[in-house]
Amino acid sequence: MGQVHARAWSRLRQHYPDAPFRPELVAVADPSAQARDLALATYADVATYEDWRELLARDDLDVVSMAGPNALHHEVGVAVAESGRHLWIEKPAGRRLAETQAIADAVETAGVQSAAGFNYRNAPAVEWARELVRGGRLGQVQTVEVRFLADYAAHPDGGLSWRFIDEHAGSGVLGDLVSHAADLACHLAGEVAELVADEGRFITERPLVAGAGSHFARGGDGERGRVENEDYVGALLRFASGARGTLAASRTAVGEQCTYGFSVHGSAGALEWDFRRMGELRVCLDQDPQDAAYRTVYVDRNHGETAAFQPAGGIALGYDDLKVIEAHRLARSIAADQPEGATIHDAVRAARLAQAMATSVSTRGWTPC
């Protein structure tokens, strides 16, 4: 993810020539020597550090991207804000709500700007979907279904990376995919008032891995360790508006790869989006509500930020493009001293929903948000 952030900053002026800043990557901190060597090979005149504290000691930093494991989010995020630098932090921004809130408090106290890594909301089709929902084109919203199903942990020999250890991750799929799903649900349909949730733990042991192996790495036939957190979370949602919802997230869903998306049904229409077909939005609008049919619309220059990347409709954006949009909105936030796009406060909201789900699992009942 650090590489994605670095690429996004380097591409900012390519897509947004009028961006308020021309960012320059000056330093990278990573405990991995391999990662530091990659940074040196990729970017000219970049300094590298093993310890992030050495990076923050520099006097030429304006913005810091925090893209490390969850266990570092709180300490680094607070330190960045307290040093007076603006912060771009990946979700979930901490292992639990208290850590996320502490980062948000530090950002507010320091008066700096922030961005949180909820990139899926930046897809032009998602931005259009939000306009349709919030503009009343679907009528009264009745149901919202959000799905974040992945297979990255589906193989039982997938290595026991930091994501499966509570000390490092804080939670399993709750802090990973549920964080994105919760953000999208609220971004589309507003605040969730209460929920009830369940979880599943399907692969209880995994092979130990050497070093900082990712959750895509495979282990061998040697010693195995215990998986400490959940593979699946499902929840029923009651929105403050009266709408109902479902949220399902899994990291062991065979065949799903990156099935990230949502469906929204209202009294007068409906829509559906799938990340794997990011440039499309299925809409059911302006019809008799009985026997109505969907049509697929390909986003074009009139939708979201498409015009900054592609000249016409039907030419899809990619994952990295969503991060360039994120960088641009943070740059505009800094220039205007006014938040734009997803911020640390959106991460707090997602963390609050994740905590409510964890509480519901333990109490086996409806939980206020």
Protein backbone atom coordinates (compact mmCIF):
# COMPACT_ATOMS: atom_id res chain seq x y z
CA MET A 1 0.00 0.00 0.00
CA GLY A 2 2.93 2.33 0.57
CA GLN A 3 3.87 1.82 -3.07
CA VAL A 4 0.30 2.70 -4.10
CA HIS A 5 0.48 5.94 -2.11
CA ALA A 6 3.84 6.84 -3.61
CA ARG A 7 2.56 6.22 -7.13
CA ALA A 8 -0.55 8.29 -6.44
CA TRP A 9 1.48 11.30 -5.31
CA SER A 10 3.77 11.02 -8.34
CA ARG A 11 0.79 10.95 -10.72
CA LEU A 12 -1.13 13.81 -9.11
CA ARG A 13 -0.11 16.57 -11.57
CA GLN A 14 -0.43 14.19 -14.54
CA HIS A 15 -4.18 13.94 -13.98
CA TYR A 16 -4.77 17.24 -12.20
CA PRO A 17 -2.49 19.88 -13.78
CA ASP A 18 -4.15 22.53 -11.64
CA ALA A 19 -3.53 20.67 -8.38
CA PRO A 20 -2.45 23.14 -5.67
CA PHE A 21 0.85 21.33 -5.06
CA ARG A 22 3.53 19.48 -6.99
CA PRO A 23 4.36 16.78 -4.44
CA GLU A 24 7.85 15.37 -4.16
CA LEU A 25 8.59 12.09 -2.41
CA VAL A 26 11.54 12.86 -0.13
CA ALA A 27 11.66 9.98 2.33
CA VAL A 28 10.43 6.46 3.03
CA ALA A 29 10.48 4.54 6.32
CA ASP A 30 10.14 0.77 6.34
CA PRO A 31 11.68 -1.92 8.56
CA SER A 32 12.06 -4.13 5.49
CA ALA A 33 15.42 -3.70 3.74
CA GLN A 34 13.84 -5.06 0.56
CA ALA A 35 11.17 -2.36 0.63
CA ARG A 36 13.78 0.34 1.20
CA ASP A 37 15.87 -0.96 -1.71
CA LEU A 38 12.77 -0.87 -3.92
CA ALA A 39 12.15 2.76 -2.99
CA LEU A 40 15.76 3.65 -3.85
CA ALA A 41 15.50 1.86 -7.19
CA THR A 42 12.17 3.50 -8.06
CA TYR A 43 12.49 7.13 -6.93
CA ALA A 44 15.39 9.51 -7.41
CA ASP A 45 16.92 11.28 -4.42
CA VAL A 46 14.69 9.58 -1.86
CA ALA A 47 16.02 9.02 1.65
CA THR A 48 15.19 5.76 3.41
CA TYR A 49 14.92 4.93 7.09
CA GLU A 50 14.37 1.77 9.06
CA ASP A 51 12.61 3.68 11.85
CA TRP A 52 9.68 6.01 11.14
CA ARG A 53 10.77 8.31 13.96
CA GLU A 54 13.88 9.23 11.97
CA LEU A 55 11.66 10.19 9.07
CA LEU A 56 9.53 12.48 11.23
CA ALA A 57 12.69 14.20 12.47
CA ARG A 58 13.19 15.72 9.01
CA ASP A 59 12.33 19.39 8.53
CA ASP A 60 11.13 19.14 4.91
CA LEU A 61 7.92 17.10 5.34
CA ASP A 62 4.44 18.49 4.76
CA VAL A 63 2.37 15.30 4.39
CA VAL A 64 2.96 11.78 5.66
CA SER A 65 1.31 8.66 4.23
CA MET A 66 0.74 5.98 6.88
CA ALA A 67 0.38 2.65 5.08
CA GLY A 68 1.81 0.19 7.59
CA PRO A 69 0.14 -2.56 9.63
CA ASN A 70 -2.76 -1.69 11.94
CA ALA A 71 -0.66 -1.91 15.11
CA LEU A 72 1.38 1.13 14.00
CA HIS A 73 -1.53 3.34 12.95
CA HIS A 74 -2.21 4.86 16.35
CA GLU A 75 1.34 5.71 17.39
CA VAL A 76 2.41 6.97 13.98
CA GLY A 77 -0.86 8.76 13.20
CA VAL A 78 -0.83 10.70 16.46
CA ALA A 79 2.87 11.53 16.10
CA VAL A 80 2.38 12.81 12.54
CA ALA A 81 -0.46 15.11 13.59
CA GLU A 82 1.39 16.35 16.68
CA SER A 83 4.38 17.19 14.49
CA GLY A 84 2.14 19.50 12.45
CA ARG A 85 2.12 17.36 9.29
CA HIS A 86 -0.98 16.47 7.33
CA LEU A 87 -1.91 12.79 7.44
CA TRP A 88 -3.01 10.27 4.81
CA ILE A 89 -3.75 7.08 6.72
CA GLU A 90 -5.00 3.73 5.56
CA LYS A 91 -8.08 2.17 7.07
CA PRO A 92 -8.91 1.02 9.70
CA ALA A 93 -6.67 3.71 11.31
CA GLY A 94 -5.96 1.71 14.44
CA ARG A 95 -6.80 -1.66 15.95
CA ARG A 96 -9.91 -0.49 17.78
CA LEU A 97 -12.20 2.53 18.12
CA ALA A 98 -10.22 4.14 20.95
CA GLU A 99 -7.08 4.26 18.79
CA THR A 100 -8.95 5.67 15.80
CA GLN A 101 -10.57 8.32 17.97
CA ALA A 102 -7.19 9.27 19.44
CA ILE A 103 -5.80 9.86 15.94
CA ALA A 104 -8.84 12.00 15.08
CA ASP A 105 -8.43 13.99 18.29
CA ALA A 106 -4.76 14.62 17.49
CA VAL A 107 -5.65 15.79 13.97
CA GLU A 108 -8.28 18.18 15.35
CA THR A 109 -5.99 19.53 18.06
CA ALA A 110 -3.14 20.13 15.61
CA GLY A 111 -5.41 21.74 13.01
CA VAL A 112 -4.01 19.59 10.19
CA GLN A 113 -5.89 17.92 7.37
CA SER A 114 -6.41 14.18 6.97
CA ALA A 115 -7.43 11.56 4.43
CA ALA A 116 -8.56 8.00 5.17
CA GLY A 117 -8.07 5.17 2.72
CA PHE A 118 -11.68 4.50 1.76
CA ASN A 119 -10.86 4.37 -1.93
CA TYR A 120 -13.97 2.55 -3.18
CA ARG A 121 -16.18 5.58 -2.53
CA ASN A 122 -14.02 7.45 -5.10
CA ALA A 123 -15.14 5.29 -8.04
CA PRO A 124 -17.15 7.51 -10.43
CA ALA A 125 -20.02 4.99 -10.50
CA VAL A 126 -20.17 5.05 -6.69
CA GLU A 127 -20.19 8.84 -6.65
CA TRP A 128 -23.05 8.82 -9.13
CA ALA A 129 -24.89 6.20 -7.07
CA ARG A 130 -24.62 8.44 -4.00
CA GLU A 131 -25.99 11.38 -5.98
CA LEU A 132 -28.97 9.29 -7.10
CA VAL A 133 -29.69 8.01 -3.58
CA ARG A 134 -29.19 11.32 -1.76
CA GLY A 135 -31.04 13.22 -4.52
CA GLY A 136 -34.17 11.14 -4.07
CA ARG A 137 -34.13 9.46 -7.48
CA LEU A 138 -34.78 6.07 -5.84
CA GLY A 139 -37.57 7.45 -3.68
CA GLN A 140 -37.55 6.44 -0.02
CA VAL A 141 -34.60 4.10 0.52
CA GLN A 142 -35.87 0.75 1.79
CA THR A 143 -32.90 -1.65 1.77
CA VAL A 144 -29.12 -1.43 1.39
CA GLU A 145 -27.05 -4.57 0.82
CA VAL A 146 -23.25 -4.34 0.99
CA ARG A 147 -20.97 -7.26 0.08
CA PHE A 148 -17.21 -7.47 0.56
CA LEU A 149 -16.24 -11.04 -0.21
CA ALA A 150 -12.62 -12.03 -0.87
CA ASP A 151 -10.59 -15.22 -1.16
CA TYR A 152 -7.17 -13.98 -0.03
CA ALA A 153 -7.33 -16.19 3.06
CA ALA A 154 -9.28 -19.08 1.55
CA HIS A 155 -6.32 -21.47 1.25
CA PRO A 156 -5.59 -23.29 4.52
CA ASP A 157 -1.85 -23.00 3.82
CA GLY A 158 -1.98 -19.23 3.58
CA GLY A 159 0.72 -17.91 5.91
CA LEU A 160 0.01 -16.68 9.43
CA SER A 161 0.70 -13.01 8.68
CA TRP A 162 0.06 -10.09 11.04
CA ARG A 163 -3.56 -9.88 9.87
CA PHE A 164 -4.42 -13.06 11.76
CA ILE A 165 -2.87 -11.94 15.08
CA ASP A 166 -4.93 -9.62 17.31
CA GLU A 167 -1.90 -7.85 18.80
CA HIS A 168 -0.97 -6.64 15.31
CA ALA A 169 -4.36 -6.39 13.57
CA GLY A 170 -6.83 -5.81 16.40
CA SER A 171 -9.42 -7.90 14.57
CA GLY A 172 -9.77 -10.00 11.44
CA VAL A 173 -12.13 -9.17 8.62
CA LEU A 174 -13.77 -6.50 10.85
CA GLY A 175 -10.80 -4.15 10.57
CA ASP A 176 -10.12 -5.10 6.97
CA LEU A 177 -13.09 -5.57 4.63
CA VAL A 178 -15.86 -4.58 7.05
CA SER A 179 -14.22 -1.18 7.45
CA HIS A 180 -14.67 -0.51 3.72
CA ALA A 181 -18.18 -1.97 3.69
CA ALA A 182 -19.29 0.13 6.66
CA ASP A 183 -17.96 3.28 5.03
CA LEU A 184 -19.83 2.57 1.80
CA ALA A 185 -23.09 1.79 3.62
CA CYS A 186 -23.00 5.11 5.49
CA HIS A 187 -21.69 7.05 2.49
CA LEU A 188 -24.69 5.91 0.48
CA ALA A 189 -27.53 5.80 2.98
CA GLY A 190 -26.53 7.80 6.06
CA GLU A 191 -26.01 6.82 9.66
CA VAL A 192 -26.67 3.35 11.07
CA ALA A 193 -28.71 3.49 14.28
CA GLU A 194 -28.35 -0.11 15.47
CA LEU A 195 -27.30 -3.53 14.26
CA VAL A 196 -27.04 -7.21 15.09
CA ALA A 197 -24.07 -9.26 13.91
CA ASP A 198 -22.55 -12.72 13.79
CA GLU A 199 -19.07 -13.94 12.92
CA GLY A 200 -17.40 -17.12 11.70
CA ARG A 201 -13.87 -18.53 12.13
CA PHE A 202 -13.29 -21.23 9.54
CA ILE A 203 -9.51 -21.74 9.32
CA THR A 204 -8.19 -21.91 12.86
CA GLU A 205 -4.49 -22.65 12.19
CA ARG A 206 -2.03 -21.47 9.56
CA PRO A 207 1.64 -22.10 8.72
CA LEU A 208 4.12 -19.77 10.38
CA VAL A 209 5.94 -17.40 8.01
CA ALA A 210 9.36 -15.82 8.28
CA GLY A 211 9.74 -12.05 8.34
CA ALA A 212 6.99 -9.68 7.27
CA GLY A 213 5.12 -12.00 4.94
CA SER A 214 1.85 -10.66 3.54
CA HIS A 215 -1.55 -12.31 3.85
CA PHE A 216 -1.16 -13.49 0.23
CA ALA A 217 1.91 -15.59 1.08
CA ARG A 218 1.76 -19.39 1.30
CA GLY A 219 3.32 -21.32 4.16
CA GLY A 220 4.93 -24.74 4.11
CA ASP A 221 4.54 -28.03 5.94
CA GLY A 222 6.24 -26.86 9.12
CA GLU A 223 4.93 -25.48 12.39
CA ARG A 224 1.50 -23.89 12.44
CA GLY A 225 0.07 -21.16 14.65
CA ARG A 226 -3.40 -20.23 15.86
CA VAL A 227 -5.57 -17.77 13.93
CA GLU A 228 -6.84 -15.31 16.55
CA ASN A 229 -9.61 -13.49 14.73
CA GLU A 230 -12.67 -13.82 12.51
CA ASP A 231 -12.85 -14.83 8.84
CA TYR A 232 -16.45 -13.74 8.28
CA VAL A 233 -18.86 -11.13 9.63
CA GLY A 234 -22.51 -10.71 8.74
CA ALA A 235 -24.82 -8.00 10.07
CA LEU A 236 -28.36 -6.69 9.84
CA LEU A 237 -28.48 -2.89 9.87
CA ARG A 238 -31.17 -0.40 10.85
CA PHE A 239 -30.44 3.05 9.43
CA ALA A 240 -31.50 6.25 11.14
CA SER A 241 -33.65 6.98 8.08
CA GLY A 242 -35.70 3.83 8.66
CA ALA A 243 -34.03 1.86 5.88
CA ARG A 244 -32.87 -1.68 6.55
CA GLY A 245 -29.60 -3.21 5.43
CA THR A 246 -27.35 -6.22 5.30
CA LEU A 247 -23.57 -6.33 5.39
CA ALA A 248 -21.50 -9.42 4.65
CA ALA A 249 -17.71 -9.63 4.56
CA SER A 250 -15.48 -12.67 4.22
CA ARG A 251 -11.79 -13.28 3.57
CA THR A 252 -12.26 -17.03 2.89
CA ALA A 253 -14.97 -16.89 0.20
CA VAL A 254 -13.81 -19.36 -2.48
CA GLY A 255 -14.49 -18.13 -6.00
CA GLU A 256 -15.24 -14.55 -5.05
CA GLN A 257 -11.81 -12.90 -5.42
CA CYS A 258 -12.79 -9.24 -4.93
CA THR A 259 -16.59 -9.26 -4.91
CA TYR A 260 -17.01 -5.81 -3.44
CA GLY A 261 -20.25 -4.00 -4.11
CA PHE A 262 -23.72 -2.94 -3.05
CA SER A 263 -27.40 -2.89 -4.00
CA VAL A 264 -29.82 -0.15 -2.98
CA HIS A 265 -33.60 -0.47 -3.35
CA GLY A 266 -36.00 2.42 -2.89
CA SER A 267 -39.71 2.99 -3.31
CA ALA A 268 -39.21 4.31 -6.85
CA GLY A 269 -35.99 2.71 -8.13
CA ALA A 270 -32.88 0.67 -7.49
CA LEU A 271 -29.19 0.46 -8.35
CA GLU A 272 -26.31 -1.98 -8.09
CA TRP A 273 -22.50 -1.74 -8.32
CA ASP A 274 -19.71 -4.33 -8.47
CA PHE A 275 -16.07 -3.28 -8.03
CA ARG A 276 -14.95 -5.86 -10.59
CA ARG A 277 -16.97 -3.91 -13.16
CA MET A 278 -15.98 -0.58 -11.69
CA GLY A 279 -16.98 1.55 -14.66
CA GLU A 280 -20.58 0.30 -14.72
CA LEU A 281 -23.66 1.12 -12.66
CA ARG A 282 -26.80 -0.95 -13.01
CA VAL A 283 -29.79 1.35 -12.56
CA CYS A 284 -33.55 0.90 -12.45
CA LEU A 285 -35.03 4.40 -12.66
CA ASP A 286 -38.10 6.31 -13.85
CA GLN A 287 -40.32 3.28 -14.38
CA ASP A 288 -43.48 1.81 -12.94
CA PRO A 289 -42.20 0.11 -9.78
CA GLN A 290 -43.80 -3.19 -10.78
CA ASP A 291 -42.08 -5.16 -13.58
CA ALA A 292 -39.34 -2.54 -13.78
CA ALA A 293 -36.02 -3.56 -15.34
CA TYR A 294 -32.37 -2.66 -14.88
CA ARG A 295 -30.10 -1.16 -17.50
CA THR A 296 -26.32 -0.91 -17.39
CA VAL A 297 -24.78 2.54 -17.72
CA TYR A 298 -21.06 3.01 -18.42
CA VAL A 299 -19.68 6.03 -16.63
CA ASP A 300 -18.39 8.89 -18.77
CA ARG A 301 -16.81 12.33 -18.34
CA ASN A 302 -19.94 13.55 -16.57
CA HIS A 303 -19.58 11.09 -13.71
CA GLY A 304 -17.27 11.72 -10.77
CA GLU A 305 -13.61 12.19 -11.62
CA THR A 306 -13.67 10.24 -14.90
CA ALA A 307 -12.63 13.23 -16.99
CA ALA A 308 -9.29 13.45 -15.16
CA PHE A 309 -8.38 9.95 -16.33
CA GLN A 310 -10.29 8.95 -19.47
CA PRO A 311 -11.62 10.85 -22.51
CA ALA A 312 -14.94 9.06 -22.96
CA GLY A 313 -17.44 6.61 -21.53
CA GLY A 314 -16.78 2.89 -21.41
CA ILE A 315 -13.07 3.24 -20.58
CA ALA A 316 -12.75 2.01 -17.02
CA LEU A 317 -10.55 3.41 -14.30
CA GLY A 318 -8.30 1.14 -12.23
CA TYR A 319 -7.65 0.64 -8.52
CA ASP A 320 -4.61 2.95 -8.47
CA ASP A 321 -6.66 5.73 -10.06
CA LEU A 322 -8.94 5.77 -7.01
CA LYS A 323 -5.88 6.51 -4.89
CA VAL A 324 -4.86 9.41 -7.15
CA ILE A 325 -8.34 10.86 -6.55
CA GLU A 326 -7.76 10.41 -2.82
CA ALA A 327 -4.41 12.23 -3.01
CA HIS A 328 -5.99 15.06 -5.00
CA ARG A 329 -8.73 15.57 -2.45
CA LEU A 330 -6.20 15.68 0.36
CA ALA A 331 -4.14 18.23 -1.58
CA ARG A 332 -7.25 20.39 -2.05
CA SER A 333 -8.08 20.00 1.63
CA ILE A 334 -4.65 21.30 2.58
CA ALA A 335 -4.84 24.23 0.15
CA ALA A 336 -8.31 25.28 1.29
CA ASP A 337 -7.86 24.28 4.93
CA GLN A 338 -11.20 22.52 4.55
CA PRO A 339 -11.79 18.74 4.53
CA GLU A 340 -12.66 17.15 1.22
CA GLY A 341 -13.19 13.44 0.64
CA ALA A 342 -12.91 10.70 3.26
CA THR A 343 -11.16 11.84 6.45
CA ILE A 344 -10.11 10.37 9.78
CA HIS A 345 -13.61 11.15 11.03
CA ASP A 346 -15.04 8.71 8.49
CA ALA A 347 -12.61 6.14 9.87
CA VAL A 348 -13.98 6.83 13.36
CA ARG A 349 -17.52 6.17 12.11
CA ALA A 350 -16.46 2.90 10.47
CA ALA A 351 -14.61 1.88 13.64
CA ARG A 352 -17.68 2.64 15.72
CA LEU A 353 -19.75 0.30 13.53
CA ALA A 354 -17.05 -2.38 13.74
CA GLN A 355 -17.04 -2.09 17.53
CA ALA A 356 -20.84 -2.35 17.60
CA MET A 357 -20.61 -5.53 15.52
CA ALA A 358 -18.04 -7.02 17.88
CA THR A 359 -20.25 -6.16 20.85
CA SER A 360 -23.28 -7.68 19.15
CA VAL A 361 -21.38 -10.89 18.46
CA SER A 362 -20.45 -11.21 22.13
CA THR A 363 -23.90 -10.27 23.48
CA ARG A 364 -25.86 -12.03 20.73
CA GLY A 365 -28.23 -9.09 20.44
CA TRP A 366 -29.08 -5.76 18.79
CA THR A 367 -26.51 -3.07 19.59
CA PRO A 368 -26.80 0.73 19.19
CA CYS A 369 -24.21 2.49 17.05
